[in-house]
Amino acid sequence: MPIFYHDGLRFHYRETGSGIPFVFQHGLGADVNQPFGLFRPPPGIRLISFDCRAHGQTVPLGEDNKISITAFADDLAALLDHLSVSSAVVGGISMGAAVALDFALR
């Protein structure tokens, strides 16, 4: 189980493939299994996803005020830093789309 530490939490993430990084985030109440169940990366694409705060295997819950789209987008930036990814295509399902949009706009 790959993990990274950020803001006092242990984040679970998953990745497969190689090439252009594509971060595909799960929806509210789901985990990394959701995007990996919906998308199989073709050759040349590196699929990356992580369990947001209060989701999946990311623990502990953390501060209540950080259960937000903005904090989730900050966590996404921390994951990309951890993986040494300087740019990526981002997208998501429902809540994950909001995280991707917040991340892209900032």
N, C-alpha and C. Protein backbone atom coordinates (compact mmCIF):
# COMPACT_ATOMS: atom_id res chain seq x y z
N MET A 1 0.85 -1.18 0.00
CA MET A 1 0.00 0.00 0.00
C MET A 1 0.89 1.24 0.00
N PRO A 2 0.96 1.96 -1.10
CA PRO A 2 1.77 3.18 -1.12
C PRO A 2 1.11 4.28 -0.29
N ILE A 3 1.93 4.98 0.48
CA ILE A 3 1.43 6.07 1.32
C ILE A 3 2.38 7.25 1.24
N PHE A 4 1.86 8.42 1.57
CA PHE A 4 2.70 9.60 1.78
C PHE A 4 2.12 10.36 2.97
N TYR A 5 2.98 11.11 3.62
CA TYR A 5 2.58 11.86 4.80
C TYR A 5 2.50 13.35 4.47
N HIS A 6 1.42 13.95 4.95
CA HIS A 6 1.20 15.38 4.70
C HIS A 6 0.23 15.90 5.74
N ASP A 7 0.56 17.03 6.33
CA ASP A 7 -0.34 17.72 7.26
C ASP A 7 -0.78 16.81 8.41
N GLY A 8 0.11 15.95 8.86
CA GLY A 8 -0.18 15.08 10.00
C GLY A 8 -1.03 13.86 9.66
N LEU A 9 -1.29 13.61 8.39
CA LEU A 9 -2.10 12.47 7.97
C LEU A 9 -1.27 11.53 7.12
N ARG A 10 -1.69 10.28 7.12
CA ARG A 10 -1.08 9.26 6.25
C ARG A 10 -2.05 9.01 5.10
N PHE A 11 -1.68 9.48 3.92
CA PHE A 11 -2.53 9.37 2.74
C PHE A 11 -2.20 8.10 1.96
N HIS A 12 -3.23 7.37 1.61
CA HIS A 12 -3.09 6.20 0.75
C HIS A 12 -3.28 6.65 -0.69
N TYR A 13 -2.44 6.16 -1.58
CA TYR A 13 -2.60 6.46 -3.00
C TYR A 13 -2.31 5.22 -3.82
N ARG A 14 -2.61 5.32 -5.08
CA ARG A 14 -2.38 4.22 -6.00
C ARG A 14 -1.99 4.80 -7.35
N GLU A 15 -1.14 4.08 -8.07
CA GLU A 15 -0.75 4.51 -9.42
C GLU A 15 -0.43 3.28 -10.26
N THR A 16 -0.61 3.44 -11.55
CA THR A 16 -0.27 2.38 -12.49
C THR A 16 0.07 3.02 -13.84
N GLY A 17 0.83 2.31 -14.61
CA GLY A 17 1.19 2.80 -15.94
C GLY A 17 2.38 3.74 -15.88
N SER A 18 2.76 4.21 -17.05
CA SER A 18 3.87 5.16 -17.14
C SER A 18 3.60 6.12 -18.28
N GLY A 19 4.19 7.28 -18.17
CA GLY A 19 4.01 8.30 -19.20
C GLY A 19 3.38 9.55 -18.62
N ILE A 20 2.47 10.15 -19.36
CA ILE A 20 1.83 11.40 -18.94
C ILE A 20 1.01 11.15 -17.68
N PRO A 21 1.29 11.88 -16.60
CA PRO A 21 0.51 11.70 -15.37
C PRO A 21 -0.93 12.18 -15.54
N PHE A 22 -1.86 11.33 -15.16
CA PHE A 22 -3.29 11.66 -15.16
C PHE A 22 -3.83 11.35 -13.78
N VAL A 23 -4.18 12.40 -13.04
CA VAL A 23 -4.77 12.25 -11.71
C VAL A 23 -6.28 12.20 -11.89
N PHE A 24 -6.88 11.11 -11.46
CA PHE A 24 -8.33 10.90 -11.59
C PHE A 24 -8.86 10.64 -10.18
N GLN A 25 -9.58 11.61 -9.62
CA GLN A 25 -10.00 11.55 -8.22
C GLN A 25 -11.41 10.99 -8.04
N HIS A 26 -11.58 10.29 -6.94
CA HIS A 26 -12.85 9.64 -6.59
C HIS A 26 -13.91 10.63 -6.12
N GLY A 27 -15.13 10.17 -6.09
CA GLY A 27 -16.25 10.97 -5.61
C GLY A 27 -16.45 10.84 -4.11
N LEU A 28 -17.38 11.62 -3.58
CA LEU A 28 -17.70 11.63 -2.15
C LEU A 28 -18.07 10.23 -1.67
N GLY A 29 -17.42 9.80 -0.60
CA GLY A 29 -17.70 8.51 0.00
C GLY A 29 -16.98 7.34 -0.65
N ALA A 30 -16.28 7.57 -1.73
CA ALA A 30 -15.58 6.49 -2.44
C ALA A 30 -14.10 6.50 -2.04
N ASP A 31 -13.31 5.75 -2.77
CA ASP A 31 -11.86 5.69 -2.54
C ASP A 31 -11.18 5.45 -3.89
N VAL A 32 -9.87 5.14 -3.86
CA VAL A 32 -9.12 4.98 -5.11
C VAL A 32 -9.65 3.86 -5.99
N ASN A 33 -10.39 2.93 -5.43
CA ASN A 33 -10.93 1.85 -6.24
C ASN A 33 -11.93 2.35 -7.28
N GLN A 34 -12.61 3.45 -6.98
CA GLN A 34 -13.60 3.98 -7.94
C GLN A 34 -12.96 4.40 -9.26
N PRO A 35 -11.98 5.31 -9.26
CA PRO A 35 -11.40 5.69 -10.56
C PRO A 35 -10.66 4.54 -11.23
N PHE A 36 -10.02 3.67 -10.45
CA PHE A 36 -9.30 2.55 -11.05
C PHE A 36 -10.27 1.52 -11.63
N GLY A 37 -11.49 1.48 -11.11
CA GLY A 37 -12.50 0.58 -11.65
C GLY A 37 -13.14 1.11 -12.92
N LEU A 38 -13.03 2.41 -13.15
CA LEU A 38 -13.67 3.04 -14.30
C LEU A 38 -12.74 3.32 -15.47
N PHE A 39 -11.43 3.37 -15.20
CA PHE A 39 -10.50 3.78 -16.24
C PHE A 39 -9.26 2.90 -16.22
N ARG A 40 -8.95 2.32 -17.35
CA ARG A 40 -7.72 1.55 -17.52
C ARG A 40 -6.80 2.40 -18.41
N PRO A 41 -5.68 2.85 -17.88
CA PRO A 41 -4.85 3.74 -18.69
C PRO A 41 -4.26 3.06 -19.91
N PRO A 42 -4.36 3.71 -21.05
CA PRO A 42 -3.72 3.18 -22.25
C PRO A 42 -2.21 3.38 -22.15
N PRO A 43 -1.46 2.76 -23.04
CA PRO A 43 -0.02 2.97 -23.03
C PRO A 43 0.31 4.48 -23.10
N GLY A 44 1.30 4.88 -22.32
CA GLY A 44 1.71 6.28 -22.32
C GLY A 44 1.03 7.14 -21.28
N ILE A 45 0.13 6.55 -20.47
CA ILE A 45 -0.58 7.29 -19.43
C ILE A 45 -0.28 6.66 -18.07
N ARG A 46 0.04 7.50 -17.11
CA ARG A 46 0.29 7.08 -15.72
C ARG A 46 -0.91 7.52 -14.89
N LEU A 47 -1.74 6.58 -14.48
CA LEU A 47 -2.94 6.87 -13.69
C LEU A 47 -2.56 6.97 -12.22
N ILE A 48 -2.99 8.07 -11.58
CA ILE A 48 -2.70 8.34 -10.17
C ILE A 48 -4.00 8.74 -9.48
N SER A 49 -4.22 8.23 -8.27
CA SER A 49 -5.35 8.66 -7.46
C SER A 49 -4.99 8.48 -5.99
N PHE A 50 -5.65 9.23 -5.12
CA PHE A 50 -5.42 9.06 -3.69
C PHE A 50 -6.73 9.12 -2.94
N ASP A 51 -6.73 8.51 -1.75
CA ASP A 51 -7.89 8.58 -0.87
C ASP A 51 -7.88 9.93 -0.18
N CYS A 52 -8.89 10.75 -0.45
CA CYS A 52 -8.98 12.06 0.20
C CYS A 52 -9.15 11.89 1.72
N ARG A 53 -8.95 12.98 2.43
CA ARG A 53 -9.20 12.98 3.88
C ARG A 53 -10.61 12.43 4.14
N ALA A 54 -10.74 11.64 5.20
CA ALA A 54 -12.02 11.04 5.60
C ALA A 54 -12.54 10.02 4.60
N HIS A 55 -11.67 9.52 3.75
CA HIS A 55 -12.05 8.53 2.74
C HIS A 55 -11.04 7.39 2.71
N GLY A 56 -11.52 6.21 2.40
CA GLY A 56 -10.65 5.06 2.18
C GLY A 56 -9.69 4.80 3.31
N GLN A 57 -8.43 4.59 2.96
CA GLN A 57 -7.41 4.22 3.93
C GLN A 57 -6.56 5.40 4.40
N THR A 58 -6.98 6.62 4.10
CA THR A 58 -6.26 7.79 4.60
C THR A 58 -6.69 8.04 6.04
N VAL A 59 -5.70 8.13 6.93
CA VAL A 59 -5.97 8.29 8.36
C VAL A 59 -4.95 9.24 8.98
N PRO A 60 -5.22 9.84 10.12
CA PRO A 60 -6.52 9.94 10.77
C PRO A 60 -7.42 10.92 10.02
N LEU A 61 -8.56 11.21 10.59
CA LEU A 61 -9.51 12.11 9.95
C LEU A 61 -8.91 13.50 9.76
N GLY A 62 -8.19 13.99 10.75
CA GLY A 62 -7.63 15.34 10.68
C GLY A 62 -8.62 16.38 11.19
N GLU A 63 -8.26 17.62 11.00
CA GLU A 63 -9.09 18.72 11.49
C GLU A 63 -10.38 18.83 10.69
N ASP A 64 -11.49 19.05 11.40
CA ASP A 64 -12.81 19.16 10.75
C ASP A 64 -12.84 20.24 9.68
N ASN A 65 -12.18 21.38 9.95
CA ASN A 65 -12.24 22.48 9.00
C ASN A 65 -11.43 22.21 7.73
N LYS A 66 -10.69 21.10 7.70
CA LYS A 66 -9.93 20.75 6.51
C LYS A 66 -10.61 19.65 5.69
N ILE A 67 -11.85 19.36 6.02
CA ILE A 67 -12.64 18.46 5.17
C ILE A 67 -13.33 19.37 4.16
N SER A 68 -12.56 19.75 3.13
CA SER A 68 -13.05 20.73 2.15
C SER A 68 -12.38 20.49 0.81
N ILE A 69 -13.01 20.98 -0.22
CA ILE A 69 -12.45 20.87 -1.57
C ILE A 69 -11.08 21.53 -1.63
N THR A 70 -10.94 22.69 -1.02
CA THR A 70 -9.67 23.40 -1.04
C THR A 70 -8.56 22.58 -0.38
N ALA A 71 -8.85 22.00 0.78
CA ALA A 71 -7.84 21.17 1.46
C ALA A 71 -7.52 19.93 0.63
N PHE A 72 -8.54 19.32 0.02
CA PHE A 72 -8.30 18.14 -0.82
C PHE A 72 -7.39 18.50 -2.01
N ALA A 73 -7.59 19.69 -2.58
CA ALA A 73 -6.74 20.13 -3.69
C ALA A 73 -5.31 20.38 -3.20
N ASP A 74 -5.17 20.93 -2.00
CA ASP A 74 -3.83 21.10 -1.41
C ASP A 74 -3.17 19.74 -1.20
N ASP A 75 -3.96 18.76 -0.78
CA ASP A 75 -3.44 17.40 -0.58
C ASP A 75 -2.99 16.80 -1.91
N LEU A 76 -3.74 17.08 -2.97
CA LEU A 76 -3.35 16.63 -4.30
C LEU A 76 -2.00 17.22 -4.70
N ALA A 77 -1.81 18.51 -4.43
CA ALA A 77 -0.52 19.15 -4.72
C ALA A 77 0.60 18.48 -3.93
N ALA A 78 0.33 18.12 -2.68
CA ALA A 78 1.34 17.45 -1.85
C ALA A 78 1.69 16.08 -2.42
N LEU A 79 0.69 15.36 -2.92
CA LEU A 79 0.95 14.05 -3.53
C LEU A 79 1.84 14.21 -4.76
N LEU A 80 1.52 15.17 -5.61
CA LEU A 80 2.33 15.38 -6.81
C LEU A 80 3.76 15.77 -6.44
N ASP A 81 3.92 16.58 -5.39
CA ASP A 81 5.26 16.90 -4.91
C ASP A 81 5.98 15.63 -4.44
N HIS A 82 5.27 14.81 -3.69
CA HIS A 82 5.84 13.54 -3.20
C HIS A 82 6.31 12.66 -4.35
N LEU A 83 5.54 12.64 -5.43
CA LEU A 83 5.87 11.81 -6.59
C LEU A 83 6.81 12.51 -7.57
N SER A 84 7.20 13.73 -7.26
CA SER A 84 8.06 14.55 -8.14
C SER A 84 7.43 14.75 -9.52
N VAL A 85 6.12 14.98 -9.53
CA VAL A 85 5.38 15.25 -10.77
C VAL A 85 5.18 16.76 -10.85
N SER A 86 5.74 17.37 -11.87
CA SER A 86 5.67 18.83 -11.99
C SER A 86 4.42 19.31 -12.74
N SER A 87 3.82 18.46 -13.56
CA SER A 87 2.57 18.81 -14.24
C SER A 87 1.79 17.53 -14.52
N ALA A 88 0.48 17.67 -14.57
CA ALA A 88 -0.37 16.50 -14.77
C ALA A 88 -1.71 16.93 -15.35
N VAL A 89 -2.35 16.02 -16.01
CA VAL A 89 -3.75 16.17 -16.41
C VAL A 89 -4.56 15.77 -15.18
N VAL A 90 -5.56 16.57 -14.81
CA VAL A 90 -6.36 16.25 -13.62
C VAL A 90 -7.84 16.16 -13.98
N GLY A 91 -8.52 15.26 -13.31
CA GLY A 91 -9.95 15.07 -13.52
C GLY A 91 -10.52 14.32 -12.34
N GLY A 92 -11.81 14.11 -12.37
CA GLY A 92 -12.40 13.39 -11.26
C GLY A 92 -13.87 13.08 -11.49
N ILE A 93 -14.40 12.35 -10.53
CA ILE A 93 -15.79 11.94 -10.52
C ILE A 93 -16.48 12.73 -9.42
N SER A 94 -17.51 13.49 -9.74
CA SER A 94 -18.30 14.22 -8.77
C SER A 94 -17.40 15.09 -7.89
N MET A 95 -17.28 14.77 -6.60
CA MET A 95 -16.43 15.54 -5.70
C MET A 95 -15.01 15.63 -6.26
N GLY A 96 -14.53 14.54 -6.84
CA GLY A 96 -13.18 14.53 -7.42
C GLY A 96 -13.02 15.54 -8.55
N ALA A 97 -14.09 15.78 -9.30
CA ALA A 97 -14.05 16.80 -10.35
C ALA A 97 -13.90 18.19 -9.73
N ALA A 98 -14.57 18.41 -8.60
CA ALA A 98 -14.44 19.69 -7.91
C ALA A 98 -13.03 19.88 -7.37
N VAL A 99 -12.43 18.82 -6.86
CA VAL A 99 -11.04 18.87 -6.38
C VAL A 99 -10.11 19.20 -7.55
N ALA A 100 -10.30 18.52 -8.67
CA ALA A 100 -9.46 18.77 -9.84
C ALA A 100 -9.61 20.21 -10.33
N LEU A 101 -10.82 20.72 -10.36
CA LEU A 101 -11.05 22.09 -10.82
C LEU A 101 -10.40 23.09 -9.86
N ASP A 102 -10.57 22.91 -8.55
CA ASP A 102 -9.94 23.80 -7.59
C ASP A 102 -8.43 23.78 -7.74
N PHE A 103 -7.86 22.58 -7.87
CA PHE A 103 -6.43 22.43 -8.07
C PHE A 103 -5.96 23.16 -9.34
N ALA A 104 -6.67 22.96 -10.44
CA ALA A 104 -6.28 23.56 -11.72
C ALA A 104 -6.38 25.08 -11.69
N LEU A 105 -7.39 25.61 -11.02
CA LEU A 105 -7.58 27.06 -10.98
C LEU A 105 -6.53 27.76 -10.11
N ARG A 106 -6.00 27.03 -9.14
CA ARG A 106 -5.00 27.66 -8.27
C ARG A 106 -3.61 27.31 -8.71
